[in-house]
Amino acid sequence: MDRDRYNRRSMNETFFSSIKRTLGAAVRARSWWLEFREMLLKATVYNLRRSVRYP
C-alpha cells in the first residue's frame, strides 16, 4: 500500500468527520448544484473557524 495515498485518505476522513460533528451531517438542499454549494459553504465555514481559533 502506498503510504502517501493512505495518509491523504486519512486526512480527508478526519476533515469530513470534523465537519459533520461541528456543522451537521445532513445536506438540506434538493438539487445537485445547491448540495454542492452547501458543502462548499460548510467547508469554508469550517476553515474560517479553524483559522480564527488557531491564529
PDB file of N, CA and C in Angstrom:
ATOM      1  N   MET A   1       0.840  -1.178   0.000  1.00  0.00           N
ATOM      2  CA  MET A   1       0.000   0.000   0.000  1.00  0.00           C
ATOM      3  C   MET A   1       0.892   1.250   0.000  1.00  0.00           C
ATOM      4  N   ASP A   2       0.508   2.215  -0.777  1.00  0.00           N
ATOM      5  CA  ASP A   2       1.260   3.464  -0.880  1.00  0.00           C
ATOM      6  C   ASP A   2       0.981   4.339   0.346  1.00  0.00           C
ATOM      7  N   ARG A   3       2.010   4.661   1.113  1.00  0.00           N
ATOM      8  CA  ARG A   3       1.835   5.426   2.356  1.00  0.00           C
ATOM      9  C   ARG A   3       1.308   6.838   2.104  1.00  0.00           C
ATOM     10  N   ASP A   4       1.778   7.498   1.068  1.00  0.00           N
ATOM     11  CA  ASP A   4       1.335   8.869   0.785  1.00  0.00           C
ATOM     12  C   ASP A   4      -0.156   8.913   0.474  1.00  0.00           C
ATOM     13  N   ARG A   5      -0.606   7.997  -0.346  1.00  0.00           N
ATOM     14  CA  ARG A   5      -2.028   7.974  -0.699  1.00  0.00           C
ATOM     15  C   ARG A   5      -2.886   7.624   0.503  1.00  0.00           C
ATOM     16  N   TYR A   6      -2.451   6.695   1.328  1.00  0.00           N
ATOM     17  CA  TYR A   6      -3.228   6.329   2.501  1.00  0.00           C
ATOM     18  C   TYR A   6      -3.294   7.493   3.479  1.00  0.00           C
ATOM     19  N   ASN A   7      -2.190   8.220   3.635  1.00  0.00           N
ATOM     20  CA  ASN A   7      -2.168   9.365   4.541  1.00  0.00           C
ATOM     21  C   ASN A   7      -3.142  10.442   4.070  1.00  0.00           C
ATOM     22  N   ARG A   8      -3.229  10.674   2.770  1.00  0.00           N
ATOM     23  CA  ARG A   8      -4.181  11.656   2.239  1.00  0.00           C
ATOM     24  C   ARG A   8      -5.607  11.225   2.520  1.00  0.00           C
ATOM     25  N   ARG A   9      -5.886   9.946   2.370  1.00  0.00           N
ATOM     26  CA  ARG A   9      -7.238   9.464   2.649  1.00  0.00           C
ATOM     27  C   ARG A   9      -7.559   9.644   4.119  1.00  0.00           C
ATOM     28  N   SER A  10      -6.613   9.354   4.979  1.00  0.00           N
ATOM     29  CA  SER A  10      -6.819   9.515   6.413  1.00  0.00           C
ATOM     30  C   SER A  10      -7.103  10.973   6.758  1.00  0.00           C
ATOM     31  N   MET A  11      -6.371  11.895   6.156  1.00  0.00           N
ATOM     32  CA  MET A  11      -6.610  13.320   6.414  1.00  0.00           C
ATOM     33  C   MET A  11      -7.989  13.739   5.913  1.00  0.00           C
ATOM     34  N   ASN A  12      -8.408  13.228   4.756  1.00  0.00           N
ATOM     35  CA  ASN A  12      -9.738  13.545   4.235  1.00  0.00           C
ATOM     36  C   ASN A  12     -10.832  13.015   5.145  1.00  0.00           C
ATOM     37  N   GLU A  13     -10.698  11.795   5.614  1.00  0.00           N
ATOM     38  CA  GLU A  13     -11.696  11.217   6.509  1.00  0.00           C
ATOM     39  C   GLU A  13     -11.803  12.027   7.802  1.00  0.00           C
ATOM     40  N   THR A  14     -10.672  12.476   8.331  1.00  0.00           N
ATOM     41  CA  THR A  14     -10.675  13.294   9.537  1.00  0.00           C
ATOM     42  C   THR A  14     -11.366  14.620   9.284  1.00  0.00           C
ATOM     43  N   PHE A  15     -11.088  15.232   8.145  1.00  0.00           N
ATOM     44  CA  PHE A  15     -11.695  16.511   7.780  1.00  0.00           C
ATOM     45  C   PHE A  15     -13.211  16.380   7.682  1.00  0.00           C
ATOM     46  N   PHE A  16     -13.694  15.393   6.957  1.00  0.00           N
ATOM     47  CA  PHE A  16     -15.137  15.221   6.796  1.00  0.00           C
ATOM     48  C   PHE A  16     -15.810  14.864   8.109  1.00  0.00           C
ATOM     49  N   SER A  17     -15.160  14.084   8.931  1.00  0.00           N
ATOM     50  CA  SER A  17     -15.719  13.737  10.232  1.00  0.00           C
ATOM     51  C   SER A  17     -15.872  14.968  11.109  1.00  0.00           C
ATOM     52  N   SER A  18     -14.864  15.830  11.119  1.00  0.00           N
ATOM     53  CA  SER A  18     -14.951  17.023  11.956  1.00  0.00           C
ATOM     54  C   SER A  18     -16.002  18.000  11.428  1.00  0.00           C
ATOM     55  N   ILE A  19     -16.164  18.093  10.114  1.00  0.00           N
ATOM     56  CA  ILE A  19     -17.227  18.938   9.560  1.00  0.00           C
ATOM     57  C   ILE A  19     -18.590  18.411   9.989  1.00  0.00           C
ATOM     58  N   LYS A  20     -18.787  17.106   9.907  1.00  0.00           N
ATOM     59  CA  LYS A  20     -20.064  16.520  10.293  1.00  0.00           C
ATOM     60  C   LYS A  20     -20.357  16.745  11.773  1.00  0.00           C
ATOM     61  N   ARG A  21     -19.329  16.640  12.609  1.00  0.00           N
ATOM     62  CA  ARG A  21     -19.539  16.846  14.042  1.00  0.00           C
ATOM     63  C   ARG A  21     -19.870  18.294  14.377  1.00  0.00           C
ATOM     64  N   THR A  22     -19.206  19.248  13.731  1.00  0.00           N
ATOM     65  CA  THR A  22     -19.392  20.646  14.090  1.00  0.00           C
ATOM     66  C   THR A  22     -20.555  21.307  13.359  1.00  0.00           C
ATOM     67  N   LEU A  23     -20.784  20.964  12.104  1.00  0.00           N
ATOM     68  CA  LEU A  23     -21.783  21.672  11.301  1.00  0.00           C
ATOM     69  C   LEU A  23     -22.990  20.819  10.928  1.00  0.00           C
ATOM     70  N   GLY A  24     -23.011  19.578  11.304  1.00  0.00           N
ATOM     71  CA  GLY A  24     -24.138  18.711  10.991  1.00  0.00           C
ATOM     72  C   GLY A  24     -23.866  17.854   9.771  1.00  0.00           C
ATOM     73  N   ALA A  25     -24.431  16.679   9.769  1.00  0.00           N
ATOM     74  CA  ALA A  25     -24.160  15.715   8.701  1.00  0.00           C
ATOM     75  C   ALA A  25     -25.141  15.842   7.539  1.00  0.00           C
ATOM     76  N   ALA A  26     -26.308  16.422   7.778  1.00  0.00           N
ATOM     77  CA  ALA A  26     -27.338  16.452   6.750  1.00  0.00           C
ATOM     78  C   ALA A  26     -27.111  17.597   5.769  1.00  0.00           C
ATOM     79  N   VAL A  27     -27.390  17.309   4.515  1.00  0.00           N
ATOM     80  CA  VAL A  27     -27.418  18.335   3.482  1.00  0.00           C
ATOM     81  C   VAL A  27     -28.882  18.588   3.188  1.00  0.00           C
ATOM     82  N   ARG A  28     -29.318  19.813   3.327  1.00  0.00           N
ATOM     83  CA  ARG A  28     -30.733  20.123   3.226  1.00  0.00           C
ATOM     84  C   ARG A  28     -31.193  20.482   1.813  1.00  0.00           C
ATOM     85  N   ALA A  29     -30.277  20.776   0.939  1.00  0.00           N
ATOM     86  CA  ALA A  29     -30.632  21.167  -0.430  1.00  0.00           C
ATOM     87  C   ALA A  29     -31.143  19.965  -1.215  1.00  0.00           C
ATOM     88  N   ARG A  30     -31.928  20.246  -2.233  1.00  0.00           N
ATOM     89  CA  ARG A  30     -32.510  19.157  -3.013  1.00  0.00           C
ATOM     90  C   ARG A  30     -31.884  18.992  -4.387  1.00  0.00           C
ATOM     91  N   SER A  31     -31.399  20.030  -4.987  1.00  0.00           N
ATOM     92  CA  SER A  31     -30.792  19.894  -6.314  1.00  0.00           C
ATOM     93  C   SER A  31     -29.286  19.694  -6.175  1.00  0.00           C
ATOM     94  N   TRP A  32     -28.674  19.154  -7.208  1.00  0.00           N
ATOM     95  CA  TRP A  32     -27.248  18.853  -7.170  1.00  0.00           C
ATOM     96  C   TRP A  32     -26.431  20.109  -6.947  1.00  0.00           C
ATOM     97  N   TRP A  33     -26.751  21.186  -7.675  1.00  0.00           N
ATOM     98  CA  TRP A  33     -25.976  22.415  -7.568  1.00  0.00           C
ATOM     99  C   TRP A  33     -26.079  23.005  -6.158  1.00  0.00           C
ATOM    100  N   LEU A  34     -27.265  23.006  -5.572  1.00  0.00           N
ATOM    101  CA  LEU A  34     -27.437  23.558  -4.231  1.00  0.00           C
ATOM    102  C   LEU A  34     -26.748  22.690  -3.182  1.00  0.00           C
ATOM    103  N   GLU A  35     -26.729  21.370  -3.378  1.00  0.00           N
ATOM    104  CA  GLU A  35     -25.994  20.489  -2.466  1.00  0.00           C
ATOM    105  C   GLU A  35     -24.504  20.796  -2.525  1.00  0.00           C
ATOM    106  N   PHE A  36     -23.981  20.969  -3.741  1.00  0.00           N
ATOM    107  CA  PHE A  36     -22.567  21.288  -3.914  1.00  0.00           C
ATOM    108  C   PHE A  36     -22.238  22.619  -3.242  1.00  0.00           C
ATOM    109  N   ARG A  37     -23.085  23.606  -3.449  1.00  0.00           N
ATOM    110  CA  ARG A  37     -22.860  24.922  -2.857  1.00  0.00           C
ATOM    111  C   ARG A  37     -22.908  24.847  -1.331  1.00  0.00           C
ATOM    112  N   GLU A  38     -23.843  24.078  -0.796  1.00  0.00           N
ATOM    113  CA  GLU A  38     -23.941  23.934   0.653  1.00  0.00           C
ATOM    114  C   GLU A  38     -22.697  23.271   1.236  1.00  0.00           C
ATOM    115  N   MET A  39     -22.183  22.237   0.584  1.00  0.00           N
ATOM    116  CA  MET A  39     -20.974  21.580   1.078  1.00  0.00           C
ATOM    117  C   MET A  39     -19.768  22.510   0.968  1.00  0.00           C
ATOM    118  N   LEU A  40     -19.710  23.297  -0.100  1.00  0.00           N
ATOM    119  CA  LEU A  40     -18.619  24.264  -0.258  1.00  0.00           C
ATOM    120  C   LEU A  40     -18.678  25.313   0.856  1.00  0.00           C
ATOM    121  N   LEU A  41     -19.863  25.776   1.173  1.00  0.00           N
ATOM    122  CA  LEU A  41     -20.015  26.744   2.262  1.00  0.00           C
ATOM    123  C   LEU A  41     -19.660  26.137   3.610  1.00  0.00           C
ATOM    124  N   LYS A  42     -20.031  24.887   3.825  1.00  0.00           N
ATOM    125  CA  LYS A  42     -19.674  24.216   5.080  1.00  0.00           C
ATOM    126  C   LYS A  42     -18.162  24.103   5.229  1.00  0.00           C
ATOM    127  N   ALA A  43     -17.491  23.740   4.146  1.00  0.00           N
ATOM    128  CA  ALA A  43     -16.029  23.637   4.197  1.00  0.00           C
ATOM    129  C   ALA A  43     -15.390  24.996   4.447  1.00  0.00           C
ATOM    130  N   THR A  44     -15.940  26.042   3.835  1.00  0.00           N
ATOM    131  CA  THR A  44     -15.417  27.393   4.038  1.00  0.00           C
ATOM    132  C   THR A  44     -15.602  27.838   5.467  1.00  0.00           C
ATOM    133  N   VAL A  45     -16.779  27.607   6.028  1.00  0.00           N
ATOM    134  CA  VAL A  45     -17.043  27.979   7.425  1.00  0.00           C
ATOM    135  C   VAL A  45     -16.124  27.201   8.356  1.00  0.00           C
ATOM    136  N   TYR A  46     -15.927  25.939   8.086  1.00  0.00           N
ATOM    137  CA  TYR A  46     -15.031  25.131   8.909  1.00  0.00           C
ATOM    138  C   TYR A  46     -13.616  25.698   8.884  1.00  0.00           C
ATOM    139  N   ASN A  47     -13.119  26.039   7.691  1.00  0.00           N
ATOM    140  CA  ASN A  47     -11.769  26.590   7.580  1.00  0.00           C
ATOM    141  C   ASN A  47     -11.652  27.947   8.257  1.00  0.00           C
ATOM    142  N   LEU A  48     -12.678  28.779   8.151  1.00  0.00           N
ATOM    143  CA  LEU A  48     -12.657  30.077   8.832  1.00  0.00           C
ATOM    144  C   LEU A  48     -12.647  29.901  10.348  1.00  0.00           C
ATOM    145  N   ARG A  49     -13.450  28.984  10.835  1.00  0.00           N
ATOM    146  CA  ARG A  49     -13.473  28.737  12.284  1.00  0.00           C
ATOM    147  C   ARG A  49     -12.122  28.258  12.780  1.00  0.00           C
ATOM    148  N   ARG A  50     -11.475  27.398  12.010  1.00  0.00           N
ATOM    149  CA  ARG A  50     -10.142  26.919  12.413  1.00  0.00           C
ATOM    150  C   ARG A  50      -9.117  28.043  12.405  1.00  0.00           C
ATOM    151  N   SER A  51      -9.198  28.909  11.397  1.00  0.00           N
ATOM    152  CA  SER A  51      -8.209  29.998  11.329  1.00  0.00           C
ATOM    153  C   SER A  51      -8.420  31.015  12.429  1.00  0.00           C
ATOM    154  N   VAL A  52      -9.651  31.223  12.862  1.00  0.00           N
ATOM    155  CA  VAL A  52      -9.915  32.147  13.960  1.00  0.00           C
ATOM    156  C   VAL A  52      -9.502  31.515  15.287  1.00  0.00           C
ATOM    157  N   ARG A  53      -9.738  30.249  15.448  1.00  0.00           N
ATOM    158  CA  ARG A  53      -9.408  29.556  16.680  1.00  0.00           C
ATOM    159  C   ARG A  53      -7.907  29.390  16.850  1.00  0.00           C
ATOM    160  N   TYR A  54      -7.199  29.122  15.745  1.00  0.00           N
ATOM    161  CA  TYR A  54      -5.758  28.899  15.784  1.00  0.00           C
ATOM    162  C   TYR A  54      -5.040  29.938  14.929  1.00  0.00           C
ATOM    163  N   PRO A  55      -4.846  31.143  15.434  1.00  0.00           N
ATOM    164  CA  PRO A  55      -4.226  32.181  14.601  1.00  0.00           C
ATOM    165  C   PRO A  55      -2.780  31.933  14.267  1.00  0.00           C
TER     166      PRO A  55
END
